[in-house]
Amino acid sequence: MIPKLTPPTWMAEALCAQVDSEMFFPEQGESNRYAKRTCMRCDVRIQCLNYAVEQKMPFGVWGGLSERERRHLRRTA
């Protein structure tokens, strides 16, 4: 039996849960500016960023950073 994954509780409080999630996963060449602006106003941005870094999320804007920015953050930490 596959275990059922429960999302972290902070996810329900995230601003991204209230808007179109596609803006957080832009296609190559598309801007992620609106996603980052939304993140900067979010009360759970730090929890989101920590989660994305710990889980090595390969795509999207999490906690206000793109996948490239999170990779750089992991390398310099």
C-alpha atoms as a PDB file:
ATOM      1  CA  MET A   1       0.000   0.000   0.000  1.00  0.00           C
ATOM      2  CA  ILE A   2       1.325   3.451  -0.947  1.00  0.00           C
ATOM      3  CA  PRO A   3       1.331   5.858   2.007  1.00  0.00           C
ATOM      4  CA  LYS A   4      -0.891   8.902   1.643  1.00  0.00           C
ATOM      5  CA  LEU A   5       1.167  12.085   1.675  1.00  0.00           C
ATOM      6  CA  THR A   6      -0.197  14.922   3.756  1.00  0.00           C
ATOM      7  CA  PRO A   7       0.853  18.413   2.717  1.00  0.00           C
ATOM      8  CA  PRO A   8       2.478  20.566   5.384  1.00  0.00           C
ATOM      9  CA  THR A   9      -0.063  22.638   7.337  1.00  0.00           C
ATOM     10  CA  TRP A  10       1.466  25.956   6.249  1.00  0.00           C
ATOM     11  CA  MET A  11       0.457  25.260   2.633  1.00  0.00           C
ATOM     12  CA  ALA A  12      -3.180  26.044   3.404  1.00  0.00           C
ATOM     13  CA  GLU A  13      -2.122  29.552   4.497  1.00  0.00           C
ATOM     14  CA  ALA A  14       0.007  30.256   1.420  1.00  0.00           C
ATOM     15  CA  LEU A  15      -1.079  32.993  -0.986  1.00  0.00           C
ATOM     16  CA  CYS A  16      -0.295  30.709  -3.917  1.00  0.00           C
ATOM     17  CA  ALA A  17      -3.199  28.507  -2.837  1.00  0.00           C
ATOM     18  CA  GLN A  18      -5.509  31.435  -3.637  1.00  0.00           C
ATOM     19  CA  VAL A  19      -4.273  32.256  -7.160  1.00  0.00           C
ATOM     20  CA  ASP A  20      -3.619  30.458 -10.427  1.00  0.00           C
ATOM     21  CA  SER A  21      -0.832  28.006  -9.648  1.00  0.00           C
ATOM     22  CA  GLU A  22       0.438  28.064 -13.242  1.00  0.00           C
ATOM     23  CA  MET A  23       2.173  31.392 -12.646  1.00  0.00           C
ATOM     24  CA  PHE A  24       4.501  29.599 -10.198  1.00  0.00           C
ATOM     25  CA  PHE A  25       5.586  27.174 -12.920  1.00  0.00           C
ATOM     26  CA  PRO A  26       6.365  29.382 -15.931  1.00  0.00           C
ATOM     27  CA  GLU A  27       7.475  27.896 -19.222  1.00  0.00           C
ATOM     28  CA  GLN A  28      11.066  28.491 -20.254  1.00  0.00           C
ATOM     29  CA  GLY A  29      11.459  32.114 -21.281  1.00  0.00           C
ATOM     30  CA  GLU A  30       8.325  33.292 -19.445  1.00  0.00           C
ATOM     31  CA  SER A  31       8.577  35.734 -16.563  1.00  0.00           C
ATOM     32  CA  ASN A  32       8.266  34.584 -12.955  1.00  0.00           C
ATOM     33  CA  ARG A  33       7.975  38.179 -11.697  1.00  0.00           C
ATOM     34  CA  TYR A  34       4.304  37.928 -10.640  1.00  0.00           C
ATOM     35  CA  ALA A  35       4.914  34.694  -8.765  1.00  0.00           C
ATOM     36  CA  LYS A  36       7.842  36.243  -6.904  1.00  0.00           C
ATOM     37  CA  ARG A  37       5.771  39.324  -6.026  1.00  0.00           C
ATOM     38  CA  THR A  38       3.059  37.092  -4.620  1.00  0.00           C
ATOM     39  CA  CYS A  39       5.618  35.181  -2.577  1.00  0.00           C
ATOM     40  CA  MET A  40       7.061  38.360  -1.089  1.00  0.00           C
ATOM     41  CA  ARG A  41       3.627  39.222   0.358  1.00  0.00           C
ATOM     42  CA  CYS A  42       3.048  35.706   1.737  1.00  0.00           C
ATOM     43  CA  ASP A  43       3.119  35.057   5.495  1.00  0.00           C
ATOM     44  CA  VAL A  44       4.542  31.544   5.046  1.00  0.00           C
ATOM     45  CA  ARG A  45       7.254  32.388   2.509  1.00  0.00           C
ATOM     46  CA  ILE A  46      10.113  31.232   4.746  1.00  0.00           C
ATOM     47  CA  GLN A  47       8.458  27.872   5.489  1.00  0.00           C
ATOM     48  CA  CYS A  48       7.837  27.429   1.762  1.00  0.00           C
ATOM     49  CA  LEU A  49      11.437  28.238   0.859  1.00  0.00           C
ATOM     50  CA  ASN A  50      12.800  25.902   3.529  1.00  0.00           C
ATOM     51  CA  TYR A  51      10.522  23.126   2.270  1.00  0.00           C
ATOM     52  CA  ALA A  52      11.598  23.630  -1.352  1.00  0.00           C
ATOM     53  CA  VAL A  53      15.297  23.630  -0.453  1.00  0.00           C
ATOM     54  CA  GLU A  54      15.011  20.566   1.803  1.00  0.00           C
ATOM     55  CA  GLN A  55      12.946  18.635  -0.767  1.00  0.00           C
ATOM     56  CA  LYS A  56      15.151  19.824  -3.656  1.00  0.00           C
ATOM     57  CA  MET A  57      12.068  20.906  -5.613  1.00  0.00           C
ATOM     58  CA  PRO A  58      13.239  20.889  -9.233  1.00  0.00           C
ATOM     59  CA  PHE A  59      10.619  23.211 -10.739  1.00  0.00           C
ATOM     60  CA  GLY A  60       8.740  26.391 -10.024  1.00  0.00           C
ATOM     61  CA  VAL A  61       8.937  29.392  -7.759  1.00  0.00           C
ATOM     62  CA  TRP A  62       8.885  28.441  -4.081  1.00  0.00           C
ATOM     63  CA  GLY A  63       9.376  30.922  -1.273  1.00  0.00           C
ATOM     64  CA  GLY A  64      10.139  33.647  -3.781  1.00  0.00           C
ATOM     65  CA  LEU A  65      13.050  31.873  -5.480  1.00  0.00           C
ATOM     66  CA  SER A  66      13.299  30.083  -8.808  1.00  0.00           C
ATOM     67  CA  GLU A  67      14.817  26.615  -9.127  1.00  0.00           C
ATOM     68  CA  ARG A  68      18.117  28.168 -10.265  1.00  0.00           C
ATOM     69  CA  GLU A  69      18.187  30.525  -7.272  1.00  0.00           C
ATOM     70  CA  ARG A  70      17.447  27.659  -4.863  1.00  0.00           C
ATOM     71  CA  ARG A  71      20.285  25.572  -6.338  1.00  0.00           C
ATOM     72  CA  HIS A  72      22.640  28.497  -5.819  1.00  0.00           C
ATOM     73  CA  LEU A  73      21.367  28.893  -2.239  1.00  0.00           C
ATOM     74  CA  ARG A  74      22.014  25.188  -1.504  1.00  0.00           C
ATOM     75  CA  ARG A  75      25.560  25.430  -2.926  1.00  0.00           C
ATOM     76  CA  THR A  76      26.463  28.481  -0.876  1.00  0.00           C
ATOM     77  CA  ALA A  77      24.903  27.232   2.373  1.00  0.00           C
END
